[in-house]
Every structure is written in C-alpha cells, then in structure tokens.
Amino acid sequence: MRKDYFTGFFYIILMGFGFPIMRFMSIHFETVNNNAVRFLSGGFLFILICIFKFREELKKILLEPKIIFKLLLLGIFMSGNMYFFINGLKYTSALAGSIFGILAMPLAIIMAAIFFKDERSKIKQKKFYIGSILAFVGSLLFVFYGNKTGESLDFLKGTLFLGTAIFIQSIQNLLVKNVAKKLHTIVISASTATLSGIIYLILSIYTGKIIQLKEVGEGMLIGLSLAGIYGMLTGMLMAFHIVQKQGVIVFNIIQLLIPISTAIVGYFTLGETINFYQGIGAIIVIFGCIIALKI
C-alpha cells in the first residue's frame, strides 16, 4: 500500500514537470518538428517494449484489417489533438495546459455517454452537472483574467487551441475504448504515437520546416527526444500502472492534483505566475471536477 502511495506521489511530481517541459519545447521548436521528434522517440520506445512483451498482440493487428484502419484513424486524431495542444501551450502557460487537461475528464464522460451504454449511468446524477458547470465557470474565470495581460490576444488564442484539443481528445478516447477491447493499451499507444510522429515528419518535410532541426544545437534536439520519451513513460506507462493497481477513482484524484505541482514547477523553471482571480478560477475548476467525478 505504501508503495502505491509513493507511485502516486512521484506521478504527480513527474507530471508537474511534464507540462513545463512541453511548454519550453513549444517555444523553441515549430509545432510540427516538436511533435515529430517527441512522438517518434516515444513511439519507438513503446515499439521496443511491444516487441519484447506483447508479440502476440502485434499479430492481432496483422490479422484484422479493421484494427489497422482504426489505428490509422487514431494516429490522425492524436496528430490533430497535439497540434492544437502544443500551440495552446505556446500561447498560454504550462498551468493552463494542465487545467484544460483535467477539464477533459468531464467532457470525455459526456462524449462517452452518447455512444456507450455503460457510461450513461455516470451522467444521471445531478452532481455530475453541478460539478461540470462549476468547472466550466472556473475555466472561464481563469481565461478571462488571464486575458487581461499585455499579451491578451495570444492568451485568448492559446485557450481556443487548448479547448479544441480537449474536444478532439474526447472523440479520440471513444475510439481508444473501442480498440482497447481487442488490443493492449501499450500496443495502441505505440502505434498511435509512431503514426502521429510519421504524419508530423511528413508535414515537416512538406512545409520545409524540417530545416529548423538542422539549425538547432544537438543538445536541444537530444533534449526534445528525451522529452518525448519522458512524456511516454510518465503520461502513459505510469498512468496505466496506477489505473491497473489503484483504480480509476484514485487515478482521477491524482490527476486533479497535477495543476498544483505544475504551478509550482512552472513558477521556478519558467517564471510563470498567475493572478489572484486566475488562482480562484483554477481552484473552482478542480473543485468542480471533483464533484463531477463523484469522488
């Protein structure tokens, strides 16, 4: 039990660094280059894991063409999702990204309830709607007072990007749930990340932005690759482990604590600050999500 607590604690800390890392890389790299390197690095890591641990799962992909089509579709959704998310981070802050990340939870439940019967019971209680409304109001407060800064147009643009990203993510999750009935989630993650990386690499070559990768130093390029691996290990592998060992409810509680660690890390590493009203808005978002998720 104590080991599980330590796992959750380290996940909160590591994810707290994850958003500032993505924010930092979004500032220094073009979005297509950023995503191409991160996804390919992380994707190749997961492919190696699959080759050694999930060979039988890989055979299922070859035997069922429908799965291949769904994985391709997932790669496209992931590409769109991360294009908007990384651009959103570029124009806002690491904390804004983590706040919108937890906003995705009630939205995902709503989208899932439309298509899956087993998810509909979750939205039949008043608490879900009260919490969702509170979370929405809190996010508006966070955005409105963030929009009072000198770079208000950029901040507003960034929040629109982040909002679009979590909407795409909620649709993407429906497809993940469908594919997960036949494939292990790590295999899904490996294929999705690799396909997304290939899509972004093609876009980078086609637009000529790949030249930027030749101009940056080797240290920055290695750092971007490690950021991709870091994101996969923390955002996927650790997340899967916590869900498996401690359950979805505990995982959701842990997710709600990530904006706090992100705010602290973002302050010391990127010098990011928020005003009093944004802080109130962030607290309302977290409180609303707690109610909506019936924790």
C-alpha atoms as a PDB file:
ATOM      1  CA  MET A   1       0.000   0.000   0.000  1.00  0.00           C
ATOM      2  CA  ARG A   2       2.814   2.402   0.907  1.00  0.00           C
ATOM      3  CA  LYS A   3       4.447   1.620  -2.452  1.00  0.00           C
ATOM      4  CA  ASP A   4       1.215   2.630  -4.217  1.00  0.00           C
ATOM      5  CA  TYR A   5       1.193   5.964  -2.358  1.00  0.00           C
ATOM      6  CA  PHE A   6       4.786   6.627  -3.398  1.00  0.00           C
ATOM      7  CA  THR A   7       3.911   5.793  -7.028  1.00  0.00           C
ATOM      8  CA  GLY A   8       1.041   8.301  -6.981  1.00  0.00           C
ATOM      9  CA  PHE A   9       3.231  10.946  -5.337  1.00  0.00           C
ATOM     10  CA  PHE A  10       6.031  10.570  -7.880  1.00  0.00           C
ATOM     11  CA  TYR A  11       3.494  10.612 -10.731  1.00  0.00           C
ATOM     12  CA  ILE A  12       2.178  13.992  -9.521  1.00  0.00           C
ATOM     13  CA  ILE A  13       5.722  15.385  -9.288  1.00  0.00           C
ATOM     14  CA  LEU A  14       6.850  13.995 -12.660  1.00  0.00           C
ATOM     15  CA  MET A  15       3.700  15.201 -14.444  1.00  0.00           C
ATOM     16  CA  GLY A  16       4.218  18.573 -12.779  1.00  0.00           C
ATOM     17  CA  PHE A  17       7.480  18.770 -14.719  1.00  0.00           C
ATOM     18  CA  GLY A  18       5.855  17.348 -17.871  1.00  0.00           C
ATOM     19  CA  PHE A  19       3.759  20.402 -18.743  1.00  0.00           C
ATOM     20  CA  PRO A  20       6.621  22.927 -18.249  1.00  0.00           C
ATOM     21  CA  ILE A  21       8.837  20.702 -20.426  1.00  0.00           C
ATOM     22  CA  MET A  22       6.219  20.687 -23.203  1.00  0.00           C
ATOM     23  CA  ARG A  23       5.755  24.441 -22.802  1.00  0.00           C
ATOM     24  CA  PHE A  24       9.524  25.025 -23.035  1.00  0.00           C
ATOM     25  CA  MET A  25       9.856  22.886 -26.163  1.00  0.00           C
ATOM     26  CA  SER A  26       6.795  24.536 -27.753  1.00  0.00           C
ATOM     27  CA  ILE A  27       8.560  27.904 -27.502  1.00  0.00           C
ATOM     28  CA  HIS A  28      11.823  26.683 -29.063  1.00  0.00           C
ATOM     29  CA  PHE A  29      10.545  24.373 -31.807  1.00  0.00           C
ATOM     30  CA  GLU A  30       7.985  24.604 -34.579  1.00  0.00           C
ATOM     31  CA  THR A  31       4.933  22.552 -33.642  1.00  0.00           C
ATOM     32  CA  VAL A  32       5.351  20.026 -36.479  1.00  0.00           C
ATOM     33  CA  ASN A  33       9.029  19.471 -35.625  1.00  0.00           C
ATOM     34  CA  ASN A  34       8.276  19.326 -31.908  1.00  0.00           C
ATOM     35  CA  ASN A  35       5.610  16.652 -32.317  1.00  0.00           C
ATOM     36  CA  ALA A  36       7.534  14.684 -34.952  1.00  0.00           C
ATOM     37  CA  VAL A  37      10.596  14.206 -32.748  1.00  0.00           C
ATOM     38  CA  ARG A  38       8.694  13.664 -29.492  1.00  0.00           C
ATOM     39  CA  PHE A  39       6.226  11.158 -30.924  1.00  0.00           C
ATOM     40  CA  LEU A  40       8.811   9.187 -32.893  1.00  0.00           C
ATOM     41  CA  SER A  41      11.160   8.993 -29.897  1.00  0.00           C
ATOM     42  CA  GLY A  42       8.411   7.899 -27.524  1.00  0.00           C
ATOM     43  CA  GLY A  43       6.775   5.674 -30.133  1.00  0.00           C
ATOM     44  CA  PHE A  44       9.988   3.754 -30.852  1.00  0.00           C
ATOM     45  CA  LEU A  45      10.450   3.175 -27.119  1.00  0.00           C
ATOM     46  CA  PHE A  46       6.988   1.640 -26.889  1.00  0.00           C
ATOM     47  CA  ILE A  47       7.575  -0.442 -30.019  1.00  0.00           C
ATOM     48  CA  LEU A  48      10.635  -1.982 -28.352  1.00  0.00           C
ATOM     49  CA  ILE A  49       8.532  -2.776 -25.281  1.00  0.00           C
ATOM     50  CA  CYS A  50       5.875  -4.355 -27.508  1.00  0.00           C
ATOM     51  CA  ILE A  51       8.438  -6.495 -29.371  1.00  0.00           C
ATOM     52  CA  PHE A  52       9.718  -7.978 -26.117  1.00  0.00           C
ATOM     53  CA  LYS A  53       6.498  -8.098 -24.086  1.00  0.00           C
ATOM     54  CA  PHE A  54       3.492  -8.060 -26.431  1.00  0.00           C
ATOM     55  CA  ARG A  55       4.400 -10.023 -29.561  1.00  0.00           C
ATOM     56  CA  GLU A  56       1.065 -11.858 -29.603  1.00  0.00           C
ATOM     57  CA  GLU A  57      -0.764  -8.539 -29.507  1.00  0.00           C
ATOM     58  CA  LEU A  58       1.147  -7.354 -32.568  1.00  0.00           C
ATOM     59  CA  LYS A  59      -0.064 -10.405 -34.511  1.00  0.00           C
ATOM     60  CA  LYS A  60      -3.678  -9.346 -33.924  1.00  0.00           C
ATOM     61  CA  ILE A  61      -3.042  -6.142 -35.859  1.00  0.00           C
ATOM     62  CA  LEU A  62      -1.861  -8.066 -38.921  1.00  0.00           C
ATOM     63  CA  LEU A  63      -4.786 -10.500 -38.761  1.00  0.00           C
ATOM     64  CA  GLU A  64      -7.531  -7.849 -38.575  1.00  0.00           C
ATOM     65  CA  PRO A  65      -7.506  -5.072 -41.226  1.00  0.00           C
ATOM     66  CA  LYS A  66     -10.231  -3.195 -39.308  1.00  0.00           C
ATOM     67  CA  ILE A  67      -7.834  -2.704 -36.403  1.00  0.00           C
ATOM     68  CA  ILE A  68      -5.231  -1.261 -38.775  1.00  0.00           C
ATOM     69  CA  PHE A  69      -7.792   1.246 -40.069  1.00  0.00           C
ATOM     70  CA  LYS A  70      -8.791   2.250 -36.524  1.00  0.00           C
ATOM     71  CA  LEU A  71      -5.160   2.685 -35.510  1.00  0.00           C
ATOM     72  CA  LEU A  72      -4.562   4.911 -38.540  1.00  0.00           C
ATOM     73  CA  LEU A  73      -7.603   6.937 -37.543  1.00  0.00           C
ATOM     74  CA  LEU A  74      -6.268   7.206 -34.004  1.00  0.00           C
ATOM     75  CA  GLY A  75      -2.964   8.486 -35.351  1.00  0.00           C
ATOM     76  CA  ILE A  76      -4.815  11.225 -37.242  1.00  0.00           C
ATOM     77  CA  PHE A  77      -6.851  12.184 -34.162  1.00  0.00           C
ATOM     78  CA  MET A  78      -3.736  12.244 -31.996  1.00  0.00           C
ATOM     79  CA  SER A  79      -1.970  14.438 -34.552  1.00  0.00           C
ATOM     80  CA  GLY A  80      -4.821  16.941 -34.554  1.00  0.00           C
ATOM     81  CA  ASN A  81      -5.148  16.840 -30.781  1.00  0.00           C
ATOM     82  CA  MET A  82      -1.466  17.534 -30.147  1.00  0.00           C
ATOM     83  CA  TYR A  83      -1.206  20.181 -32.860  1.00  0.00           C
ATOM     84  CA  PHE A  84      -3.778  22.301 -31.038  1.00  0.00           C
ATOM     85  CA  PHE A  85      -2.490  21.387 -27.570  1.00  0.00           C
ATOM     86  CA  ILE A  86       1.146  22.304 -28.248  1.00  0.00           C
ATOM     87  CA  ASN A  87       0.111  25.558 -29.935  1.00  0.00           C
ATOM     88  CA  GLY A  88      -2.133  26.241 -26.952  1.00  0.00           C
ATOM     89  CA  LEU A  89       0.804  25.808 -24.576  1.00  0.00           C
ATOM     90  CA  LYS A  90       2.917  28.081 -26.749  1.00  0.00           C
ATOM     91  CA  TYR A  91       0.491  30.980 -26.311  1.00  0.00           C
ATOM     92  CA  THR A  92      -0.603  30.407 -22.692  1.00  0.00           C
ATOM     93  CA  SER A  93       1.274  28.593 -19.920  1.00  0.00           C
ATOM     94  CA  ALA A  94       2.095  25.183 -18.519  1.00  0.00           C
ATOM     95  CA  LEU A  95      -0.589  25.644 -15.851  1.00  0.00           C
ATOM     96  CA  ALA A  96      -3.230  26.488 -18.465  1.00  0.00           C
ATOM     97  CA  GLY A  97      -2.398  23.214 -20.212  1.00  0.00           C
ATOM     98  CA  SER A  98      -2.821  21.198 -17.008  1.00  0.00           C
ATOM     99  CA  ILE A  99      -6.091  22.996 -16.146  1.00  0.00           C
ATOM    100  CA  PHE A 100      -7.540  22.199 -19.561  1.00  0.00           C
ATOM    101  CA  GLY A 101      -6.203  18.669 -19.158  1.00  0.00           C
ATOM    102  CA  ILE A 102      -8.475  17.989 -16.171  1.00  0.00           C
ATOM    103  CA  LEU A 103     -11.369  19.767 -17.909  1.00  0.00           C
ATOM    104  CA  ALA A 104     -11.128  16.994 -20.484  1.00  0.00           C
ATOM    105  CA  MET A 105     -12.320  14.444 -17.902  1.00  0.00           C
ATOM    106  CA  PRO A 106     -15.996  15.504 -17.559  1.00  0.00           C
ATOM    107  CA  LEU A 107     -16.110  16.262 -21.301  1.00  0.00           C
ATOM    108  CA  ALA A 108     -14.836  12.759 -22.063  1.00  0.00           C
ATOM    109  CA  ILE A 109     -17.558  11.276 -19.849  1.00  0.00           C
ATOM    110  CA  ILE A 110     -20.256  13.229 -21.713  1.00  0.00           C
ATOM    111  CA  MET A 111     -18.952  12.124 -25.102  1.00  0.00           C
ATOM    112  CA  ALA A 112     -18.627   8.503 -23.971  1.00  0.00           C
ATOM    113  CA  ALA A 113     -22.170   8.525 -22.578  1.00  0.00           C
ATOM    114  CA  ILE A 114     -23.541   9.445 -26.003  1.00  0.00           C
ATOM    115  CA  PHE A 115     -22.116   6.315 -27.618  1.00  0.00           C
ATOM    116  CA  PHE A 116     -21.690   3.748 -24.809  1.00  0.00           C
ATOM    117  CA  LYS A 117     -24.492   2.442 -22.585  1.00  0.00           C
ATOM    118  CA  ASP A 118     -22.142   1.511 -19.752  1.00  0.00           C
ATOM    119  CA  GLU A 119     -21.038   5.152 -19.486  1.00  0.00           C
ATOM    120  CA  ARG A 120     -24.542   6.664 -19.336  1.00  0.00           C
ATOM    121  CA  SER A 121     -25.076   5.867 -15.684  1.00  0.00           C
ATOM    122  CA  LYS A 122     -22.289   8.294 -14.823  1.00  0.00           C
ATOM    123  CA  ILE A 123     -24.208  11.314 -16.100  1.00  0.00           C
ATOM    124  CA  LYS A 124     -27.581  10.542 -14.483  1.00  0.00           C
ATOM    125  CA  GLN A 125     -26.786  12.266 -11.199  1.00  0.00           C
ATOM    126  CA  LYS A 126     -27.137  15.979 -10.504  1.00  0.00           C
ATOM    127  CA  LYS A 127     -23.635  16.081  -9.036  1.00  0.00           C
ATOM    128  CA  PHE A 128     -22.151  15.495 -12.451  1.00  0.00           C
ATOM    129  CA  TYR A 129     -23.924  18.500 -13.978  1.00  0.00           C
ATOM    130  CA  ILE A 130     -23.274  20.763 -10.982  1.00  0.00           C
ATOM    131  CA  GLY A 131     -19.590  19.869 -10.995  1.00  0.00           C
ATOM    132  CA  SER A 132     -19.274  20.248 -14.770  1.00  0.00           C
ATOM    133  CA  ILE A 133     -20.893  23.692 -14.680  1.00  0.00           C
ATOM    134  CA  LEU A 134     -18.586  24.769 -11.861  1.00  0.00           C
ATOM    135  CA  ALA A 135     -15.561  23.519 -13.794  1.00  0.00           C
ATOM    136  CA  PHE A 136     -16.708  25.394 -16.902  1.00  0.00           C
ATOM    137  CA  VAL A 137     -17.293  28.626 -14.946  1.00  0.00           C
ATOM    138  CA  GLY A 138     -13.892  28.261 -13.261  1.00  0.00           C
ATOM    139  CA  SER A 139     -12.181  27.817 -16.628  1.00  0.00           C
ATOM    140  CA  LEU A 140     -13.921  30.939 -17.975  1.00  0.00           C
ATOM    141  CA  LEU A 141     -12.706  32.868 -14.921  1.00  0.00           C
ATOM    142  CA  PHE A 142      -9.172  31.572 -15.446  1.00  0.00           C
ATOM    143  CA  VAL A 143      -9.253  32.531 -19.144  1.00  0.00           C
ATOM    144  CA  PHE A 144     -10.942  35.927 -18.624  1.00  0.00           C
ATOM    145  CA  TYR A 145      -8.437  37.178 -16.066  1.00  0.00           C
ATOM    146  CA  GLY A 146      -5.539  35.629 -17.947  1.00  0.00           C
ATOM    147  CA  ASN A 147      -6.779  37.591 -20.939  1.00  0.00           C
ATOM    148  CA  LYS A 148      -6.174  40.845 -19.024  1.00  0.00           C
ATOM    149  CA  THR A 149      -2.426  40.575 -19.508  1.00  0.00           C
ATOM    150  CA  GLY A 150      -0.430  42.549 -22.049  1.00  0.00           C
ATOM    151  CA  GLU A 151      -0.463  39.592 -24.420  1.00  0.00           C
ATOM    152  CA  SER A 152      -4.243  39.119 -24.186  1.00  0.00           C
ATOM    153  CA  LEU A 153      -4.791  38.175 -27.828  1.00  0.00           C
ATOM    154  CA  ASP A 154      -2.151  35.465 -27.666  1.00  0.00           C
ATOM    155  CA  PHE A 155      -3.588  34.097 -24.410  1.00  0.00           C
ATOM    156  CA  LEU A 156      -7.102  34.003 -25.847  1.00  0.00           C
ATOM    157  CA  LYS A 157      -5.813  32.300 -28.997  1.00  0.00           C
ATOM    158  CA  GLY A 158      -3.991  29.770 -26.834  1.00  0.00           C
ATOM    159  CA  THR A 159      -7.094  28.918 -24.795  1.00  0.00           C
ATOM    160  CA  LEU A 160      -9.059  28.380 -28.017  1.00  0.00           C
ATOM    161  CA  PHE A 161      -6.331  25.984 -29.171  1.00  0.00           C
ATOM    162  CA  LEU A 162      -6.452  24.134 -25.834  1.00  0.00           C
ATOM    163  CA  GLY A 163     -10.258  23.949 -25.947  1.00  0.00           C
ATOM    164  CA  THR A 164     -10.136  22.482 -29.443  1.00  0.00           C
ATOM    165  CA  ALA A 165      -7.507  19.970 -28.317  1.00  0.00           C
ATOM    166  CA  ILE A 166      -9.597  18.581 -25.441  1.00  0.00           C
ATOM    167  CA  PHE A 167     -12.654  18.346 -27.716  1.00  0.00           C
ATOM    168  CA  ILE A 168     -10.678  16.262 -30.226  1.00  0.00           C
ATOM    169  CA  GLN A 169      -9.288  14.225 -27.332  1.00  0.00           C
ATOM    170  CA  SER A 170     -12.787  13.386 -26.090  1.00  0.00           C
ATOM    171  CA  ILE A 171     -13.661  11.942 -29.517  1.00  0.00           C
ATOM    172  CA  GLN A 172     -10.290  10.204 -29.692  1.00  0.00           C
ATOM    173  CA  ASN A 173     -10.969   8.481 -26.356  1.00  0.00           C
ATOM    174  CA  LEU A 174     -14.108   6.874 -27.791  1.00  0.00           C
ATOM    175  CA  LEU A 175     -12.018   5.224 -30.479  1.00  0.00           C
ATOM    176  CA  VAL A 176      -9.407   4.167 -27.902  1.00  0.00           C
ATOM    177  CA  LYS A 177     -12.125   2.483 -25.827  1.00  0.00           C
ATOM    178  CA  ASN A 178     -13.323   0.612 -28.898  1.00  0.00           C
ATOM    179  CA  VAL A 179      -9.854  -0.577 -29.952  1.00  0.00           C
ATOM    180  CA  ALA A 180      -8.867  -1.443 -26.358  1.00  0.00           C
ATOM    181  CA  LYS A 181     -11.407  -4.267 -26.432  1.00  0.00           C
ATOM    182  CA  LYS A 182      -9.016  -6.167 -28.714  1.00  0.00           C
ATOM    183  CA  LEU A 183      -5.564  -4.675 -28.105  1.00  0.00           C
ATOM    184  CA  HIS A 184      -3.476  -3.858 -25.045  1.00  0.00           C
ATOM    185  CA  THR A 185      -3.298  -0.109 -24.358  1.00  0.00           C
ATOM    186  CA  ILE A 186       0.510  -0.082 -24.641  1.00  0.00           C
ATOM    187  CA  VAL A 187       0.275  -1.519 -28.164  1.00  0.00           C
ATOM    188  CA  ILE A 188      -2.326   1.128 -29.012  1.00  0.00           C
ATOM    189  CA  SER A 189      -0.066   3.837 -27.592  1.00  0.00           C
ATOM    190  CA  ALA A 190       2.951   2.551 -29.522  1.00  0.00           C
ATOM    191  CA  SER A 191       1.166   2.524 -32.870  1.00  0.00           C
ATOM    192  CA  THR A 192      -0.649   5.812 -32.269  1.00  0.00           C
ATOM    193  CA  ALA A 193       2.495   7.678 -31.221  1.00  0.00           C
ATOM    194  CA  THR A 194       4.566   6.277 -34.094  1.00  0.00           C
ATOM    195  CA  LEU A 195       1.899   7.012 -36.712  1.00  0.00           C
ATOM    196  CA  SER A 196       1.474  10.549 -35.366  1.00  0.00           C
ATOM    197  CA  GLY A 197       5.231  11.037 -35.463  1.00  0.00           C
ATOM    198  CA  ILE A 198       5.353   9.885 -39.091  1.00  0.00           C
ATOM    199  CA  ILE A 199       2.471  12.230 -40.003  1.00  0.00           C
ATOM    200  CA  TYR A 200       4.273  15.177 -38.424  1.00  0.00           C
ATOM    201  CA  LEU A 201       7.581  14.208 -40.034  1.00  0.00           C
ATOM    202  CA  ILE A 202       5.899  14.204 -43.468  1.00  0.00           C
ATOM    203  CA  LEU A 203       4.301  17.594 -42.717  1.00  0.00           C
ATOM    204  CA  SER A 204       7.653  18.938 -41.546  1.00  0.00           C
ATOM    205  CA  ILE A 205       9.352  17.821 -44.765  1.00  0.00           C
ATOM    206  CA  TYR A 206       6.496  19.040 -46.976  1.00  0.00           C
ATOM    207  CA  THR A 207       6.412  22.511 -45.386  1.00  0.00           C
ATOM    208  CA  GLY A 208      10.201  22.799 -45.295  1.00  0.00           C
ATOM    209  CA  LYS A 209      10.189  23.377 -41.535  1.00  0.00           C
ATOM    210  CA  ILE A 210      12.423  20.368 -41.006  1.00  0.00           C
ATOM    211  CA  ILE A 211      15.353  22.690 -41.748  1.00  0.00           C
ATOM    212  CA  GLN A 212      14.935  24.053 -38.217  1.00  0.00           C
ATOM    213  CA  LEU A 213      16.111  20.713 -36.824  1.00  0.00           C
ATOM    214  CA  LYS A 214      19.409  21.164 -38.645  1.00  0.00           C
ATOM    215  CA  GLU A 215      19.832  24.662 -37.238  1.00  0.00           C
ATOM    216  CA  VAL A 216      19.297  23.895 -33.560  1.00  0.00           C
ATOM    217  CA  GLY A 217      22.086  22.501 -31.454  1.00  0.00           C
ATOM    218  CA  GLU A 218      22.478  18.783 -30.822  1.00  0.00           C
ATOM    219  CA  GLY A 219      21.771  19.355 -27.147  1.00  0.00           C
ATOM    220  CA  MET A 220      18.318  20.823 -27.849  1.00  0.00           C
ATOM    221  CA  LEU A 221      17.493  18.036 -30.302  1.00  0.00           C
ATOM    222  CA  ILE A 222      18.521  15.345 -27.808  1.00  0.00           C
ATOM    223  CA  GLY A 223      16.518  17.192 -25.160  1.00  0.00           C
ATOM    224  CA  LEU A 224      13.429  17.119 -27.399  1.00  0.00           C
ATOM    225  CA  SER A 225      13.858  13.380 -27.968  1.00  0.00           C
ATOM    226  CA  LEU A 226      14.215  12.769 -24.246  1.00  0.00           C
ATOM    227  CA  ALA A 227      11.121  14.923 -23.670  1.00  0.00           C
ATOM    228  CA  GLY A 228       9.174  12.548 -25.905  1.00  0.00           C
ATOM    229  CA  ILE A 229      10.430   9.503 -24.004  1.00  0.00           C
ATOM    230  CA  TYR A 230       9.760  11.248 -20.676  1.00  0.00           C
ATOM    231  CA  GLY A 231       6.193  12.017 -21.763  1.00  0.00           C
ATOM    232  CA  MET A 232       5.541   8.414 -22.745  1.00  0.00           C
ATOM    233  CA  LEU A 233       6.995   6.972 -19.528  1.00  0.00           C
ATOM    234  CA  THR A 234       5.107   9.346 -17.239  1.00  0.00           C
ATOM    235  CA  GLY A 235       1.938  10.242 -19.143  1.00  0.00           C
ATOM    236  CA  MET A 236       1.221   6.717 -20.401  1.00  0.00           C
ATOM    237  CA  LEU A 237       3.164   3.916 -18.671  1.00  0.00           C
ATOM    238  CA  MET A 238       2.882   5.330 -15.146  1.00  0.00           C
ATOM    239  CA  ALA A 239      -0.740   6.307 -15.753  1.00  0.00           C
ATOM    240  CA  PHE A 240      -1.596   2.771 -16.935  1.00  0.00           C
ATOM    241  CA  HIS A 241       0.180   1.319 -13.894  1.00  0.00           C
ATOM    242  CA  ILE A 242      -1.778   3.489 -11.438  1.00  0.00           C
ATOM    243  CA  VAL A 243      -5.113   2.699 -13.086  1.00  0.00           C
ATOM    244  CA  GLN A 244      -4.297  -1.021 -13.009  1.00  0.00           C
ATOM    245  CA  LYS A 245      -3.047  -1.127  -9.404  1.00  0.00           C
ATOM    246  CA  GLN A 246      -5.163   1.564  -7.688  1.00  0.00           C
ATOM    247  CA  GLY A 247      -8.216   2.050  -9.891  1.00  0.00           C
ATOM    248  CA  VAL A 248      -9.791   4.840 -11.937  1.00  0.00           C
ATOM    249  CA  ILE A 249     -11.128   6.815  -8.948  1.00  0.00           C
ATOM    250  CA  VAL A 250      -7.694   7.105  -7.311  1.00  0.00           C
ATOM    251  CA  PHE A 251      -6.177   7.996 -10.684  1.00  0.00           C
ATOM    252  CA  ASN A 252      -8.716  10.816 -11.144  1.00  0.00           C
ATOM    253  CA  ILE A 253      -7.891  12.185  -7.676  1.00  0.00           C
ATOM    254  CA  ILE A 254      -4.199  12.167  -8.586  1.00  0.00           C
ATOM    255  CA  GLN A 255      -4.917  13.892 -11.914  1.00  0.00           C
ATOM    256  CA  LEU A 256      -6.703  16.718 -10.073  1.00  0.00           C
ATOM    257  CA  LEU A 257      -3.544  17.417  -8.051  1.00  0.00           C
ATOM    258  CA  ILE A 258      -1.303  17.811 -11.102  1.00  0.00           C
ATOM    259  CA  PRO A 259      -2.143  21.525 -11.719  1.00  0.00           C
ATOM    260  CA  ILE A 260      -0.762  22.283  -8.247  1.00  0.00           C
ATOM    261  CA  SER A 261       2.590  20.636  -8.959  1.00  0.00           C
ATOM    262  CA  THR A 262       2.585  22.196 -12.449  1.00  0.00           C
ATOM    263  CA  ALA A 263       2.049  25.672 -10.989  1.00  0.00           C
ATOM    264  CA  ILE A 264       4.963  25.213  -8.572  1.00  0.00           C
ATOM    265  CA  VAL A 265       7.352  23.774 -11.169  1.00  0.00           C
ATOM    266  CA  GLY A 266       6.252  26.335 -13.788  1.00  0.00           C
ATOM    267  CA  TYR A 267       6.963  29.178 -11.359  1.00  0.00           C
ATOM    268  CA  PHE A 268      10.512  28.048 -10.570  1.00  0.00           C
ATOM    269  CA  THR A 269      11.519  26.821 -14.038  1.00  0.00           C
ATOM    270  CA  LEU A 270       9.718  29.166 -16.434  1.00  0.00           C
ATOM    271  CA  GLY A 271       8.913  32.106 -14.153  1.00  0.00           C
ATOM    272  CA  GLU A 272       5.184  31.645 -14.808  1.00  0.00           C
ATOM    273  CA  THR A 273       2.837  33.453 -12.452  1.00  0.00           C
ATOM    274  CA  ILE A 274      -0.940  33.753 -12.148  1.00  0.00           C
ATOM    275  CA  ASN A 275      -3.029  36.485 -10.575  1.00  0.00           C
ATOM    276  CA  PHE A 276      -5.386  36.046  -7.640  1.00  0.00           C
ATOM    277  CA  TYR A 277      -8.512  35.642  -9.761  1.00  0.00           C
ATOM    278  CA  GLN A 278      -6.879  33.045 -12.002  1.00  0.00           C
ATOM    279  CA  GLY A 279      -5.944  31.127  -8.868  1.00  0.00           C
ATOM    280  CA  ILE A 280      -9.578  31.224  -7.727  1.00  0.00           C
ATOM    281  CA  GLY A 281     -10.668  30.058 -11.195  1.00  0.00           C
ATOM    282  CA  ALA A 282      -8.204  27.142 -11.093  1.00  0.00           C
ATOM    283  CA  ILE A 283      -9.481  26.082  -7.657  1.00  0.00           C
ATOM    284  CA  ILE A 284     -13.095  26.212  -8.895  1.00  0.00           C
ATOM    285  CA  VAL A 285     -12.140  24.027 -11.890  1.00  0.00           C
ATOM    286  CA  ILE A 286     -10.531  21.418  -9.632  1.00  0.00           C
ATOM    287  CA  PHE A 287     -13.426  21.508  -7.149  1.00  0.00           C
ATOM    288  CA  GLY A 288     -15.964  21.226  -9.966  1.00  0.00           C
ATOM    289  CA  CYS A 289     -14.190  18.225 -11.458  1.00  0.00           C
ATOM    290  CA  ILE A 290     -14.105  16.536  -8.041  1.00  0.00           C
ATOM    291  CA  ILE A 291     -17.892  16.886  -7.789  1.00  0.00           C
ATOM    292  CA  ALA A 292     -18.463  15.838 -11.414  1.00  0.00           C
ATOM    293  CA  LEU A 293     -16.363  12.710 -10.981  1.00  0.00           C
ATOM    294  CA  LYS A 294     -18.214  11.871  -7.746  1.00  0.00           C
ATOM    295  CA  ILE A 295     -15.048  11.345  -5.780  1.00  0.00           C
END
